[in-house]
Amino acid sequence: MAREELTRLTGNGNGTCGKDDCPNVYRTASGSFVVQGDVTNVFQPPQGEGLVEIPESVLREAVRVLGW
C-alpha cells in the first residue's frame, strides 16, 4: 500500500514537523488505520508486528475528524 492511498486524519500536512515525520493517524481504503509514531520497546510484539507511541492529542484529533 502506498502512502498516497491513505487518508490522513491528523496533522496539517504542511511538513512543518520535519520531513512529514509527525505522529499521525491515517485511514485505509478498507477502513482500517495506520498509525505513525515513535518506535517503542515496552514489550516484544509478535513477529511481523511493531509498536509505536503517539500522543493522546493525535488520537483525539483523529476521533474528531471521523465525527465519533
N, C-alpha and C. Protein backbone atom coordinates (compact mmCIF):
# COMPACT_ATOMS: atom_id res chain seq x y z
N MET A 1 0.85 -1.17 0.00
CA MET A 1 0.00 0.00 0.00
C MET A 1 0.90 1.24 0.00
N ALA A 2 0.61 2.17 -0.86
CA ALA A 2 1.39 3.40 -0.95
C ALA A 2 0.80 4.48 -0.05
N ARG A 3 1.63 5.35 0.43
CA ARG A 3 1.19 6.45 1.30
C ARG A 3 0.08 7.27 0.64
N GLU A 4 0.14 7.42 -0.67
CA GLU A 4 -0.84 8.21 -1.40
C GLU A 4 -2.24 7.59 -1.33
N GLU A 5 -2.32 6.31 -0.99
CA GLU A 5 -3.61 5.62 -0.89
C GLU A 5 -4.27 5.81 0.47
N LEU A 6 -3.58 6.46 1.40
CA LEU A 6 -4.08 6.66 2.75
C LEU A 6 -4.73 8.03 2.89
N THR A 7 -5.74 8.12 3.75
CA THR A 7 -6.35 9.40 4.09
C THR A 7 -5.78 9.85 5.43
N ARG A 8 -5.11 10.97 5.42
CA ARG A 8 -4.50 11.48 6.64
C ARG A 8 -5.58 12.12 7.50
N LEU A 9 -5.70 11.66 8.74
CA LEU A 9 -6.72 12.17 9.65
C LEU A 9 -6.19 13.22 10.61
N THR A 10 -4.90 13.28 10.80
CA THR A 10 -4.32 14.20 11.78
C THR A 10 -3.22 15.03 11.15
N GLY A 11 -2.85 16.09 11.82
CA GLY A 11 -1.79 16.97 11.32
C GLY A 11 -2.28 17.81 10.16
N ASN A 12 -1.55 18.86 9.89
CA ASN A 12 -1.98 19.77 8.82
C ASN A 12 -1.37 19.42 7.47
N GLY A 13 -0.44 18.48 7.44
CA GLY A 13 0.10 18.01 6.17
C GLY A 13 1.05 18.97 5.48
N ASN A 14 1.46 20.05 6.17
CA ASN A 14 2.34 21.01 5.51
C ASN A 14 3.82 20.73 5.74
N GLY A 15 4.13 19.63 6.41
CA GLY A 15 5.53 19.25 6.59
C GLY A 15 6.30 20.03 7.63
N THR A 16 5.62 20.84 8.45
CA THR A 16 6.34 21.64 9.43
C THR A 16 6.93 20.82 10.57
N CYS A 17 6.57 19.56 10.66
CA CYS A 17 7.14 18.71 11.71
C CYS A 17 8.48 18.13 11.30
N GLY A 18 8.90 18.39 10.10
CA GLY A 18 10.20 17.91 9.64
C GLY A 18 10.06 16.67 8.78
N LYS A 19 10.08 16.84 7.49
CA LYS A 19 10.04 15.74 6.53
C LYS A 19 8.83 14.84 6.73
N ASP A 20 7.70 15.42 7.16
CA ASP A 20 6.44 14.71 7.29
C ASP A 20 6.52 13.52 8.24
N ASP A 21 7.31 13.68 9.32
CA ASP A 21 7.50 12.56 10.24
C ASP A 21 6.79 12.77 11.57
N CYS A 22 5.74 13.56 11.58
CA CYS A 22 4.98 13.79 12.80
C CYS A 22 4.22 12.52 13.18
N PRO A 23 3.84 12.38 14.47
CA PRO A 23 2.90 11.32 14.80
C PRO A 23 1.60 11.60 14.05
N ASN A 24 1.03 10.60 13.41
CA ASN A 24 -0.19 10.77 12.64
C ASN A 24 -1.02 9.50 12.63
N VAL A 25 -2.29 9.67 12.30
CA VAL A 25 -3.20 8.55 12.09
C VAL A 25 -3.74 8.67 10.67
N TYR A 26 -3.72 7.57 9.95
CA TYR A 26 -4.21 7.51 8.58
C TYR A 26 -5.31 6.46 8.50
N ARG A 27 -6.23 6.62 7.56
CA ARG A 27 -7.27 5.63 7.31
C ARG A 27 -7.03 5.00 5.94
N THR A 28 -7.19 3.68 5.86
CA THR A 28 -7.00 2.97 4.59
C THR A 28 -8.33 2.92 3.84
N ALA A 29 -8.27 2.53 2.59
CA ALA A 29 -9.48 2.40 1.77
C ALA A 29 -10.42 1.34 2.33
N SER A 30 -9.88 0.36 3.03
CA SER A 30 -10.72 -0.70 3.60
C SER A 30 -11.29 -0.32 4.97
N GLY A 31 -10.92 0.87 5.48
CA GLY A 31 -11.47 1.34 6.76
C GLY A 31 -10.61 1.04 7.97
N SER A 32 -9.45 0.41 7.78
CA SER A 32 -8.55 0.19 8.91
C SER A 32 -7.65 1.42 9.07
N PHE A 33 -6.80 1.40 10.08
CA PHE A 33 -5.97 2.56 10.40
C PHE A 33 -4.50 2.21 10.39
N VAL A 34 -3.70 3.18 9.98
CA VAL A 34 -2.24 3.09 10.06
C VAL A 34 -1.80 4.22 10.97
N VAL A 35 -0.99 3.88 11.98
CA VAL A 35 -0.55 4.86 12.96
C VAL A 35 0.95 5.07 12.81
N GLN A 36 1.36 6.32 12.75
CA GLN A 36 2.77 6.68 12.62
C GLN A 36 3.20 7.34 13.93
N GLY A 37 4.27 6.88 14.51
CA GLY A 37 4.75 7.46 15.76
C GLY A 37 6.15 7.00 16.07
N ASP A 38 6.59 7.33 17.26
CA ASP A 38 7.92 6.93 17.71
C ASP A 38 7.91 5.45 18.06
N VAL A 39 8.91 4.73 17.63
CA VAL A 39 9.02 3.31 17.95
C VAL A 39 9.25 3.17 19.45
N THR A 40 8.57 2.21 20.05
CA THR A 40 8.73 1.95 21.48
C THR A 40 9.03 0.47 21.69
N ASN A 41 9.70 0.17 22.76
CA ASN A 41 10.08 -1.20 23.09
C ASN A 41 9.52 -1.62 24.44
N VAL A 42 8.29 -1.19 24.77
CA VAL A 42 7.72 -1.50 26.08
C VAL A 42 7.50 -3.01 26.26
N PHE A 43 7.27 -3.73 25.17
CA PHE A 43 7.25 -5.19 25.19
C PHE A 43 7.51 -5.68 23.78
N GLN A 44 7.81 -6.96 23.64
CA GLN A 44 8.12 -7.53 22.34
C GLN A 44 6.83 -7.99 21.67
N PRO A 45 6.42 -7.35 20.56
CA PRO A 45 5.21 -7.78 19.87
C PRO A 45 5.48 -9.04 19.06
N PRO A 46 4.41 -9.71 18.61
CA PRO A 46 4.59 -10.90 17.78
C PRO A 46 5.34 -10.60 16.49
N GLN A 47 5.92 -11.61 15.91
CA GLN A 47 6.65 -11.49 14.64
C GLN A 47 5.78 -10.78 13.61
N GLY A 48 6.35 -9.81 12.90
CA GLY A 48 5.64 -9.10 11.86
C GLY A 48 4.83 -7.90 12.34
N GLU A 49 4.81 -7.65 13.65
CA GLU A 49 4.10 -6.50 14.20
C GLU A 49 5.09 -5.55 14.84
N GLY A 50 4.66 -4.31 15.04
CA GLY A 50 5.50 -3.32 15.67
C GLY A 50 4.68 -2.45 16.61
N LEU A 51 5.36 -1.76 17.50
CA LEU A 51 4.71 -0.87 18.45
C LEU A 51 5.15 0.56 18.19
N VAL A 52 4.19 1.49 18.19
CA VAL A 52 4.53 2.90 18.10
C VAL A 52 3.81 3.65 19.21
N GLU A 53 4.39 4.76 19.60
CA GLU A 53 3.81 5.61 20.64
C GLU A 53 3.42 6.93 20.01
N ILE A 54 2.17 7.34 20.24
CA ILE A 54 1.70 8.63 19.73
C ILE A 54 1.01 9.38 20.86
N PRO A 55 1.03 10.71 20.81
CA PRO A 55 0.38 11.49 21.86
C PRO A 55 -1.14 11.33 21.84
N GLU A 56 -1.76 11.46 23.00
CA GLU A 56 -3.22 11.40 23.11
C GLU A 56 -3.88 12.43 22.20
N SER A 57 -3.26 13.58 22.07
CA SER A 57 -3.85 14.65 21.25
C SER A 57 -4.02 14.21 19.79
N VAL A 58 -3.13 13.35 19.30
CA VAL A 58 -3.23 12.86 17.92
C VAL A 58 -4.44 11.94 17.78
N LEU A 59 -4.66 11.07 18.76
CA LEU A 59 -5.84 10.21 18.72
C LEU A 59 -7.12 11.03 18.84
N ARG A 60 -7.13 12.02 19.71
CA ARG A 60 -8.31 12.88 19.87
C ARG A 60 -8.63 13.60 18.55
N GLU A 61 -7.61 14.06 17.86
CA GLU A 61 -7.83 14.75 16.59
C GLU A 61 -8.41 13.79 15.55
N ALA A 62 -7.91 12.55 15.51
CA ALA A 62 -8.44 11.57 14.57
C ALA A 62 -9.91 11.26 14.86
N VAL A 63 -10.25 11.11 16.12
CA VAL A 63 -11.64 10.86 16.50
C VAL A 63 -12.53 12.03 16.11
N ARG A 64 -12.05 13.24 16.31
CA ARG A 64 -12.81 14.45 15.95
C ARG A 64 -13.06 14.48 14.44
N VAL A 65 -12.02 14.21 13.65
CA VAL A 65 -12.15 14.24 12.20
C VAL A 65 -13.16 13.19 11.73
N LEU A 66 -13.17 12.03 12.37
CA LEU A 66 -14.10 10.96 12.00
C LEU A 66 -15.53 11.22 12.51
N GLY A 67 -15.68 12.20 13.38
CA GLY A 67 -17.00 12.52 13.91
C GLY A 67 -17.51 11.51 14.92
N TRP A 68 -16.63 10.84 15.61
CA TRP A 68 -17.03 9.84 16.60
C TRP A 68 -17.37 10.50 17.88
